[in-house]
Amino acid sequence: MRCPNCKSRSVIRHGDVAKADQVRCQTCQTFFSAKSRKMKNVIWGVVGGLAVLGLSPWWLNKGLQATVAQSDRTASADAIVVLGRGPDYTEHRTAAAIKLWRDGKAPHIFISGILDAPVMIEMATDRGIPGDSVSGESCSRSTWENAFYSEMLLTSDQLSSIARPKILLITDDLHIARATLIFRSFGFEVIPYPVKNDFSMWRQHILREFFVLMYYVKSGKLQPPTTEDYEFANTQAKSRIAKRQCILASQ
């Protein structure tokens, strides 16, 4: 950075200036050099902080996948549970559920999600899944409610005689760790079956998933539901089912 008290760009080129001017110029050069170094340190600190903030959610999600949501593609289960996540995800999830059913991995497909379940059930039956092998609900509006309604409907119907139902849980790989923890808290034995997101989906939703996970941790929603949780959810369910007719039972 150029010293404002010097006509030349460098102290070295000041051979013909007065000694006082040289001293003043050198002082300014030293000051501005120190300021420049400090600014560079600040910039690198900001860049490093942004990098940590950007990568931490990614590393946390990948770590949870590796520790709590390891997939076993050879396993069989009592049912296949598919979670809705929006129209961008329905095709791949439905295809994954159909393949698992046709491979004999589970006898029944249950689809959960307020907007996605009707669409995905129709897609499955159009592609040859018998009506009595697929059901679901369009009542739930969160992952916690996905698990609540899955427990309420599956364990009172298809899995009524099984103490701890084993499910193949289908959702995207960004969502699979949190979903696995929640379904396990409801007593399911979960075999995670993540459907891979492309990078644009990861980039779009990684921070949202991070903050939602933090909310679930803070609110205790990753722990087994309490009696009060069940009472509140059952009250809401009675009203919602009556109003929306959102149980999509087997045909």
C-alpha atoms as a PDB file:
ATOM      1  CA  MET A   1       0.000   0.000   0.000  1.00  0.00           C
ATOM      2  CA  ARG A   2       1.438   3.413  -0.989  1.00  0.00           C
ATOM      3  CA  CYS A   3       2.430   5.869   1.794  1.00  0.00           C
ATOM      4  CA  PRO A   4       0.340   9.075   1.441  1.00  0.00           C
ATOM      5  CA  ASN A   5       3.325  11.266   2.528  1.00  0.00           C
ATOM      6  CA  CYS A   6       5.635  10.004  -0.221  1.00  0.00           C
ATOM      7  CA  LYS A   7       5.756  11.107  -3.830  1.00  0.00           C
ATOM      8  CA  SER A   8       7.581   7.925  -4.797  1.00  0.00           C
ATOM      9  CA  ARG A   9       6.201   4.395  -4.539  1.00  0.00           C
ATOM     10  CA  SER A  10       9.123   3.062  -2.494  1.00  0.00           C
ATOM     11  CA  VAL A  11      11.434   4.263   0.270  1.00  0.00           C
ATOM     12  CA  ILE A  12      14.355   2.813  -1.685  1.00  0.00           C
ATOM     13  CA  ARG A  13      13.836   5.334  -4.444  1.00  0.00           C
ATOM     14  CA  HIS A  14      13.965   8.303  -2.046  1.00  0.00           C
ATOM     15  CA  GLY A  15      17.687   8.979  -2.272  1.00  0.00           C
ATOM     16  CA  ASP A  16      17.223  12.668  -2.987  1.00  0.00           C
ATOM     17  CA  VAL A  17      14.693  13.495  -0.246  1.00  0.00           C
ATOM     18  CA  ALA A  18      15.434  14.973   3.154  1.00  0.00           C
ATOM     19  CA  LYS A  19      16.196  12.664   6.045  1.00  0.00           C
ATOM     20  CA  ALA A  20      13.089  13.818   7.893  1.00  0.00           C
ATOM     21  CA  ASP A  21      10.971  12.907   4.908  1.00  0.00           C
ATOM     22  CA  GLN A  22      12.652   9.507   4.752  1.00  0.00           C
ATOM     23  CA  VAL A  23      11.844   8.836   8.404  1.00  0.00           C
ATOM     24  CA  ARG A  24       8.268   9.999   7.938  1.00  0.00           C
ATOM     25  CA  CYS A  25       7.893   7.913   4.824  1.00  0.00           C
ATOM     26  CA  GLN A  26       9.342   4.812   6.489  1.00  0.00           C
ATOM     27  CA  THR A  27       6.965   5.288   9.447  1.00  0.00           C
ATOM     28  CA  CYS A  28       3.986   5.499   7.124  1.00  0.00           C
ATOM     29  CA  GLN A  29       5.149   2.488   5.145  1.00  0.00           C
ATOM     30  CA  THR A  30       5.463   0.458   8.351  1.00  0.00           C
ATOM     31  CA  PHE A  31       2.013   1.548   9.537  1.00  0.00           C
ATOM     32  CA  PHE A  32       0.316   0.736   6.278  1.00  0.00           C
ATOM     33  CA  SER A  33       2.112  -2.612   5.962  1.00  0.00           C
ATOM     34  CA  ALA A  34       0.928  -3.626   9.441  1.00  0.00           C
ATOM     35  CA  LYS A  35      -2.611  -2.498   8.616  1.00  0.00           C
ATOM     36  CA  SER A  36      -2.526  -4.501   5.414  1.00  0.00           C
ATOM     37  CA  ARG A  37      -1.396  -7.650   7.241  1.00  0.00           C
ATOM     38  CA  LYS A  38      -4.139  -7.183   9.820  1.00  0.00           C
ATOM     39  CA  MET A  39      -6.747  -6.801   7.088  1.00  0.00           C
ATOM     40  CA  LYS A  40      -5.525  -9.972   5.389  1.00  0.00           C
ATOM     41  CA  ASN A  41      -5.823 -11.862   8.682  1.00  0.00           C
ATOM     42  CA  VAL A  42      -9.367 -10.580   9.142  1.00  0.00           C
ATOM     43  CA  ILE A  43     -10.316 -11.622   5.617  1.00  0.00           C
ATOM     44  CA  TRP A  44      -8.874 -15.099   6.053  1.00  0.00           C
ATOM     45  CA  GLY A  45     -10.649 -15.393   9.403  1.00  0.00           C
ATOM     46  CA  VAL A  46     -13.978 -14.534   7.785  1.00  0.00           C
ATOM     47  CA  VAL A  47     -13.351 -16.959   4.910  1.00  0.00           C
ATOM     48  CA  GLY A  48     -12.407 -19.709   7.370  1.00  0.00           C
ATOM     49  CA  GLY A  49     -15.484 -19.047   9.484  1.00  0.00           C
ATOM     50  CA  LEU A  50     -17.756 -19.205   6.462  1.00  0.00           C
ATOM     51  CA  ALA A  51     -16.095 -22.437   5.379  1.00  0.00           C
ATOM     52  CA  VAL A  52     -16.671 -23.991   8.807  1.00  0.00           C
ATOM     53  CA  LEU A  53     -20.283 -22.829   8.867  1.00  0.00           C
ATOM     54  CA  GLY A  54     -20.825 -24.195   5.389  1.00  0.00           C
ATOM     55  CA  LEU A  55     -19.164 -27.556   5.978  1.00  0.00           C
ATOM     56  CA  SER A  56     -20.310 -28.293   9.547  1.00  0.00           C
ATOM     57  CA  PRO A  57     -23.898 -29.182   8.569  1.00  0.00           C
ATOM     58  CA  TRP A  58     -22.518 -31.416   5.816  1.00  0.00           C
ATOM     59  CA  TRP A  59     -20.082 -33.230   8.114  1.00  0.00           C
ATOM     60  CA  LEU A  60     -22.715 -33.588  10.842  1.00  0.00           C
ATOM     61  CA  ASN A  61     -25.181 -35.101   8.413  1.00  0.00           C
ATOM     62  CA  LYS A  62     -22.618 -37.476   6.936  1.00  0.00           C
ATOM     63  CA  GLY A  63     -21.476 -38.478  10.421  1.00  0.00           C
ATOM     64  CA  LEU A  64     -25.034 -39.283  11.494  1.00  0.00           C
ATOM     65  CA  GLN A  65     -25.584 -41.310   8.350  1.00  0.00           C
ATOM     66  CA  ALA A  66     -22.458 -43.322   9.077  1.00  0.00           C
ATOM     67  CA  THR A  67     -23.320 -43.950  12.733  1.00  0.00           C
ATOM     68  CA  VAL A  68     -27.116 -44.254  12.991  1.00  0.00           C
ATOM     69  CA  ALA A  69     -28.393 -44.754   9.451  1.00  0.00           C
ATOM     70  CA  GLN A  70     -26.214 -47.366   7.813  1.00  0.00           C
ATOM     71  CA  SER A  71     -28.150 -49.098   5.065  1.00  0.00           C
ATOM     72  CA  ASP A  72     -28.431 -52.852   4.484  1.00  0.00           C
ATOM     73  CA  ARG A  73     -29.686 -53.368   0.943  1.00  0.00           C
ATOM     74  CA  THR A  74     -30.053 -57.134   1.450  1.00  0.00           C
ATOM     75  CA  ALA A  75     -32.335 -56.981   4.502  1.00  0.00           C
ATOM     76  CA  SER A  76     -36.015 -57.867   4.575  1.00  0.00           C
ATOM     77  CA  ALA A  77     -38.686 -56.295   6.765  1.00  0.00           C
ATOM     78  CA  ASP A  78     -42.328 -56.420   7.826  1.00  0.00           C
ATOM     79  CA  ALA A  79     -43.240 -53.319   5.822  1.00  0.00           C
ATOM     80  CA  ILE A  80     -41.818 -50.632   3.570  1.00  0.00           C
ATOM     81  CA  VAL A  81     -42.461 -47.102   4.864  1.00  0.00           C
ATOM     82  CA  VAL A  82     -42.021 -44.257   2.385  1.00  0.00           C
ATOM     83  CA  LEU A  83     -41.887 -40.641   3.554  1.00  0.00           C
ATOM     84  CA  GLY A  84     -43.160 -37.768   1.449  1.00  0.00           C
ATOM     85  CA  ARG A  85     -40.811 -34.841   0.940  1.00  0.00           C
ATOM     86  CA  GLY A  86     -42.303 -32.870  -1.944  1.00  0.00           C
ATOM     87  CA  PRO A  87     -42.954 -33.422  -5.660  1.00  0.00           C
ATOM     88  CA  ASP A  88     -39.254 -33.433  -6.585  1.00  0.00           C
ATOM     89  CA  TYR A  89     -38.807 -36.673  -4.633  1.00  0.00           C
ATOM     90  CA  THR A  90     -41.908 -38.749  -5.402  1.00  0.00           C
ATOM     91  CA  GLU A  91     -40.692 -40.536  -8.525  1.00  0.00           C
ATOM     92  CA  HIS A  92     -37.452 -41.953  -7.079  1.00  0.00           C
ATOM     93  CA  ARG A  93     -39.047 -42.948  -3.761  1.00  0.00           C
ATOM     94  CA  THR A  94     -41.984 -44.689  -5.391  1.00  0.00           C
ATOM     95  CA  ALA A  95     -39.632 -46.551  -7.736  1.00  0.00           C
ATOM     96  CA  ALA A  96     -37.473 -47.656  -4.790  1.00  0.00           C
ATOM     97  CA  ALA A  97     -40.512 -48.933  -2.858  1.00  0.00           C
ATOM     98  CA  ILE A  98     -41.839 -50.832  -5.880  1.00  0.00           C
ATOM     99  CA  LYS A  99     -38.465 -52.494  -6.451  1.00  0.00           C
ATOM    100  CA  LEU A 100     -38.202 -53.582  -2.810  1.00  0.00           C
ATOM    101  CA  TRP A 101     -41.743 -54.984  -2.882  1.00  0.00           C
ATOM    102  CA  ARG A 102     -41.125 -56.877  -6.138  1.00  0.00           C
ATOM    103  CA  ASP A 103     -37.856 -58.243  -4.741  1.00  0.00           C
ATOM    104  CA  GLY A 104     -39.846 -59.696  -1.834  1.00  0.00           C
ATOM    105  CA  LYS A 105     -38.211 -57.486   0.813  1.00  0.00           C
ATOM    106  CA  ALA A 106     -41.545 -56.726   2.509  1.00  0.00           C
ATOM    107  CA  PRO A 107     -45.214 -57.592   1.848  1.00  0.00           C
ATOM    108  CA  HIS A 108     -46.688 -54.117   2.304  1.00  0.00           C
ATOM    109  CA  ILE A 109     -45.913 -50.501   1.315  1.00  0.00           C
ATOM    110  CA  PHE A 110     -47.076 -47.696   3.595  1.00  0.00           C
ATOM    111  CA  ILE A 111     -46.722 -44.111   2.338  1.00  0.00           C
ATOM    112  CA  SER A 112     -46.795 -41.148   4.724  1.00  0.00           C
ATOM    113  CA  GLY A 113     -47.078 -37.453   3.863  1.00  0.00           C
ATOM    114  CA  ILE A 114     -49.730 -34.766   3.616  1.00  0.00           C
ATOM    115  CA  LEU A 115     -49.361 -34.014  -0.097  1.00  0.00           C
ATOM    116  CA  ASP A 116     -47.325 -36.917  -1.418  1.00  0.00           C
ATOM    117  CA  ALA A 117     -49.105 -40.026  -0.165  1.00  0.00           C
ATOM    118  CA  PRO A 118     -52.125 -39.895  -2.543  1.00  0.00           C
ATOM    119  CA  VAL A 119     -49.854 -39.246  -5.539  1.00  0.00           C
ATOM    120  CA  MET A 120     -47.378 -41.989  -4.647  1.00  0.00           C
ATOM    121  CA  ILE A 121     -50.087 -44.563  -3.891  1.00  0.00           C
ATOM    122  CA  GLU A 122     -51.626 -43.884  -7.285  1.00  0.00           C
ATOM    123  CA  MET A 123     -48.208 -44.191  -8.940  1.00  0.00           C
ATOM    124  CA  ALA A 124     -47.594 -47.519  -7.193  1.00  0.00           C
ATOM    125  CA  THR A 125     -50.957 -49.040  -8.142  1.00  0.00           C
ATOM    126  CA  ASP A 126     -50.614 -47.776 -11.732  1.00  0.00           C
ATOM    127  CA  ARG A 127     -47.321 -49.673 -11.905  1.00  0.00           C
ATOM    128  CA  GLY A 128     -48.814 -52.957 -10.790  1.00  0.00           C
ATOM    129  CA  ILE A 129     -48.751 -52.973  -6.984  1.00  0.00           C
ATOM    130  CA  PRO A 130     -51.994 -54.609  -5.773  1.00  0.00           C
ATOM    131  CA  GLY A 131     -54.338 -52.319  -3.856  1.00  0.00           C
ATOM    132  CA  ASP A 132     -54.200 -54.460  -0.737  1.00  0.00           C
ATOM    133  CA  SER A 133     -50.395 -54.225  -0.678  1.00  0.00           C
ATOM    134  CA  VAL A 134     -50.186 -50.433  -0.441  1.00  0.00           C
ATOM    135  CA  SER A 135     -51.768 -47.938   1.939  1.00  0.00           C
ATOM    136  CA  GLY A 136     -50.872 -44.700   3.673  1.00  0.00           C
ATOM    137  CA  GLU A 137     -51.968 -41.440   5.180  1.00  0.00           C
ATOM    138  CA  SER A 138     -52.028 -37.807   4.132  1.00  0.00           C
ATOM    139  CA  CYS A 139     -52.486 -36.480   7.670  1.00  0.00           C
ATOM    140  CA  SER A 140     -48.860 -35.926   8.719  1.00  0.00           C
ATOM    141  CA  ARG A 141     -47.075 -32.624   8.250  1.00  0.00           C
ATOM    142  CA  SER A 142     -43.672 -33.375   9.812  1.00  0.00           C
ATOM    143  CA  THR A 143     -41.271 -36.277  10.232  1.00  0.00           C
ATOM    144  CA  TRP A 144     -42.418 -36.729  13.836  1.00  0.00           C
ATOM    145  CA  GLU A 145     -46.004 -37.001  12.620  1.00  0.00           C
ATOM    146  CA  ASN A 146     -44.896 -39.421   9.872  1.00  0.00           C
ATOM    147  CA  ALA A 147     -43.698 -41.736  12.633  1.00  0.00           C
ATOM    148  CA  PHE A 148     -46.758 -41.144  14.825  1.00  0.00           C
ATOM    149  CA  TYR A 149     -49.273 -41.982  12.086  1.00  0.00           C
ATOM    150  CA  SER A 150     -47.173 -44.905  10.831  1.00  0.00           C
ATOM    151  CA  GLU A 151     -47.193 -46.403  14.309  1.00  0.00           C
ATOM    152  CA  MET A 152     -50.911 -45.725  14.797  1.00  0.00           C
ATOM    153  CA  LEU A 153     -52.033 -47.190  11.469  1.00  0.00           C
ATOM    154  CA  LEU A 154     -49.483 -49.911  10.734  1.00  0.00           C
ATOM    155  CA  THR A 155     -49.455 -51.459  14.190  1.00  0.00           C
ATOM    156  CA  SER A 156     -53.240 -51.484  14.333  1.00  0.00           C
ATOM    157  CA  ASP A 157     -53.600 -53.074  10.896  1.00  0.00           C
ATOM    158  CA  GLN A 158     -50.841 -54.850   8.926  1.00  0.00           C
ATOM    159  CA  LEU A 159     -48.416 -55.233  11.849  1.00  0.00           C
ATOM    160  CA  SER A 160     -50.847 -55.645  14.734  1.00  0.00           C
ATOM    161  CA  SER A 161     -49.331 -58.939  15.925  1.00  0.00           C
ATOM    162  CA  ILE A 162     -45.694 -57.760  15.870  1.00  0.00           C
ATOM    163  CA  ALA A 163     -44.274 -56.307  19.068  1.00  0.00           C
ATOM    164  CA  ARG A 164     -41.445 -54.358  17.410  1.00  0.00           C
ATOM    165  CA  PRO A 165     -42.120 -53.995  13.686  1.00  0.00           C
ATOM    166  CA  LYS A 166     -39.168 -53.996  11.328  1.00  0.00           C
ATOM    167  CA  ILE A 167     -39.474 -51.469   8.520  1.00  0.00           C
ATOM    168  CA  LEU A 168     -37.494 -50.498   5.470  1.00  0.00           C
ATOM    169  CA  LEU A 169     -37.554 -46.705   5.699  1.00  0.00           C
ATOM    170  CA  ILE A 170     -37.324 -44.817   2.408  1.00  0.00           C
ATOM    171  CA  THR A 171     -36.426 -41.142   2.282  1.00  0.00           C
ATOM    172  CA  ASP A 172     -33.601 -39.081   0.797  1.00  0.00           C
ATOM    173  CA  ASP A 173     -30.055 -39.427   2.089  1.00  0.00           C
ATOM    174  CA  LEU A 174     -30.082 -35.906   3.557  1.00  0.00           C
ATOM    175  CA  HIS A 175     -33.170 -36.729   5.658  1.00  0.00           C
ATOM    176  CA  ILE A 176     -32.476 -40.380   6.487  1.00  0.00           C
ATOM    177  CA  ALA A 177     -30.509 -39.899   9.739  1.00  0.00           C
ATOM    178  CA  ARG A 178     -33.129 -37.743  11.467  1.00  0.00           C
ATOM    179  CA  ALA A 179     -35.973 -39.900  10.152  1.00  0.00           C
ATOM    180  CA  THR A 180     -34.257 -43.065  11.401  1.00  0.00           C
ATOM    181  CA  LEU A 181     -33.782 -41.636  14.899  1.00  0.00           C
ATOM    182  CA  ILE A 182     -37.416 -40.522  15.095  1.00  0.00           C
ATOM    183  CA  PHE A 183     -38.891 -43.824  13.898  1.00  0.00           C
ATOM    184  CA  ARG A 184     -36.676 -45.734  16.319  1.00  0.00           C
ATOM    185  CA  SER A 185     -37.943 -43.527  19.136  1.00  0.00           C
ATOM    186  CA  PHE A 186     -41.445 -44.794  18.286  1.00  0.00           C
ATOM    187  CA  GLY A 187     -40.345 -48.404  18.718  1.00  0.00           C
ATOM    188  CA  PHE A 188     -39.720 -49.426  15.110  1.00  0.00           C
ATOM    189  CA  GLU A 189     -36.719 -51.493  14.131  1.00  0.00           C
ATOM    190  CA  VAL A 190     -35.508 -49.386  11.234  1.00  0.00           C
ATOM    191  CA  ILE A 191     -33.524 -50.480   8.215  1.00  0.00           C
ATOM    192  CA  PRO A 192     -32.623 -47.190   6.515  1.00  0.00           C
ATOM    193  CA  TYR A 193     -33.023 -47.132   2.748  1.00  0.00           C
ATOM    194  CA  PRO A 194     -31.841 -43.681   1.578  1.00  0.00           C
ATOM    195  CA  VAL A 195     -32.517 -42.502  -1.952  1.00  0.00           C
ATOM    196  CA  LYS A 196     -29.585 -40.416  -3.114  1.00  0.00           C
ATOM    197  CA  ASN A 197     -30.088 -36.699  -3.728  1.00  0.00           C
ATOM    198  CA  ASP A 198     -28.267 -34.903  -6.493  1.00  0.00           C
ATOM    199  CA  PHE A 199     -25.911 -32.129  -5.427  1.00  0.00           C
ATOM    200  CA  SER A 200     -28.355 -29.311  -6.179  1.00  0.00           C
ATOM    201  CA  MET A 201     -30.847 -30.779  -3.686  1.00  0.00           C
ATOM    202  CA  TRP A 202     -28.147 -31.096  -1.023  1.00  0.00           C
ATOM    203  CA  ARG A 203     -27.041 -27.527  -1.566  1.00  0.00           C
ATOM    204  CA  GLN A 204     -30.625 -26.279  -1.429  1.00  0.00           C
ATOM    205  CA  HIS A 205     -31.699 -28.124   1.732  1.00  0.00           C
ATOM    206  CA  ILE A 206     -28.587 -28.841   3.828  1.00  0.00           C
ATOM    207  CA  LEU A 207     -28.911 -25.776   6.098  1.00  0.00           C
ATOM    208  CA  ARG A 208     -32.642 -26.310   6.585  1.00  0.00           C
ATOM    209  CA  GLU A 209     -32.051 -29.927   7.598  1.00  0.00           C
ATOM    210  CA  PHE A 210     -29.303 -28.823   9.987  1.00  0.00           C
ATOM    211  CA  PHE A 211     -31.531 -26.291  11.777  1.00  0.00           C
ATOM    212  CA  VAL A 212     -34.511 -28.678  11.896  1.00  0.00           C
ATOM    213  CA  LEU A 213     -32.258 -31.329  13.440  1.00  0.00           C
ATOM    214  CA  MET A 214     -31.098 -28.808  16.046  1.00  0.00           C
ATOM    215  CA  TYR A 215     -34.759 -28.025  16.819  1.00  0.00           C
ATOM    216  CA  TYR A 216     -35.570 -31.716  17.230  1.00  0.00           C
ATOM    217  CA  VAL A 217     -32.612 -32.180  19.569  1.00  0.00           C
ATOM    218  CA  LYS A 218     -33.529 -29.153  21.672  1.00  0.00           C
ATOM    219  CA  SER A 219     -37.241 -29.999  21.837  1.00  0.00           C
ATOM    220  CA  GLY A 220     -36.643 -33.647  22.786  1.00  0.00           C
ATOM    221  CA  LYS A 221     -38.420 -34.990  19.704  1.00  0.00           C
ATOM    222  CA  LEU A 222     -35.663 -37.528  19.113  1.00  0.00           C
ATOM    223  CA  GLN A 223     -36.575 -39.176  22.421  1.00  0.00           C
ATOM    224  CA  PRO A 224     -39.468 -41.650  22.858  1.00  0.00           C
ATOM    225  CA  PRO A 225     -42.782 -39.772  22.978  1.00  0.00           C
ATOM    226  CA  THR A 226     -44.168 -39.036  26.407  1.00  0.00           C
ATOM    227  CA  THR A 227     -47.744 -39.667  27.518  1.00  0.00           C
ATOM    228  CA  GLU A 228     -48.426 -35.970  27.020  1.00  0.00           C
ATOM    229  CA  ASP A 229     -47.013 -36.145  23.482  1.00  0.00           C
ATOM    230  CA  TYR A 230     -49.355 -39.009  22.626  1.00  0.00           C
ATOM    231  CA  GLU A 231     -52.370 -37.327  24.165  1.00  0.00           C
ATOM    232  CA  PHE A 232     -51.781 -34.123  22.219  1.00  0.00           C
ATOM    233  CA  ALA A 233     -51.081 -35.970  18.946  1.00  0.00           C
ATOM    234  CA  ASN A 234     -54.141 -38.214  19.356  1.00  0.00           C
ATOM    235  CA  THR A 235     -56.378 -35.200  19.930  1.00  0.00           C
ATOM    236  CA  GLN A 236     -55.034 -33.566  16.791  1.00  0.00           C
ATOM    237  CA  ALA A 237     -55.330 -36.821  14.837  1.00  0.00           C
ATOM    238  CA  LYS A 238     -59.015 -37.310  15.675  1.00  0.00           C
ATOM    239  CA  SER A 239     -59.831 -33.821  14.456  1.00  0.00           C
ATOM    240  CA  ARG A 240     -57.622 -34.049  11.388  1.00  0.00           C
ATOM    241  CA  ILE A 241     -58.842 -37.478  10.285  1.00  0.00           C
ATOM    242  CA  ALA A 242     -62.479 -36.475  10.679  1.00  0.00           C
ATOM    243  CA  LYS A 243     -61.980 -33.214   8.816  1.00  0.00           C
ATOM    244  CA  ARG A 244     -59.637 -34.303   6.030  1.00  0.00           C
ATOM    245  CA  GLN A 245     -60.416 -38.024   5.668  1.00  0.00           C
ATOM    246  CA  CYS A 246     -56.694 -38.498   5.367  1.00  0.00           C
ATOM    247  CA  ILE A 247     -56.345 -42.229   6.088  1.00  0.00           C
ATOM    248  CA  LEU A 248     -55.688 -43.921   2.770  1.00  0.00           C
ATOM    249  CA  ALA A 249     -56.549 -47.484   3.688  1.00  0.00           C
ATOM    250  CA  SER A 250     -55.878 -50.572   1.616  1.00  0.00           C
ATOM    251  CA  GLN A 251     -58.332 -51.096  -1.196  1.00  0.00           C
END
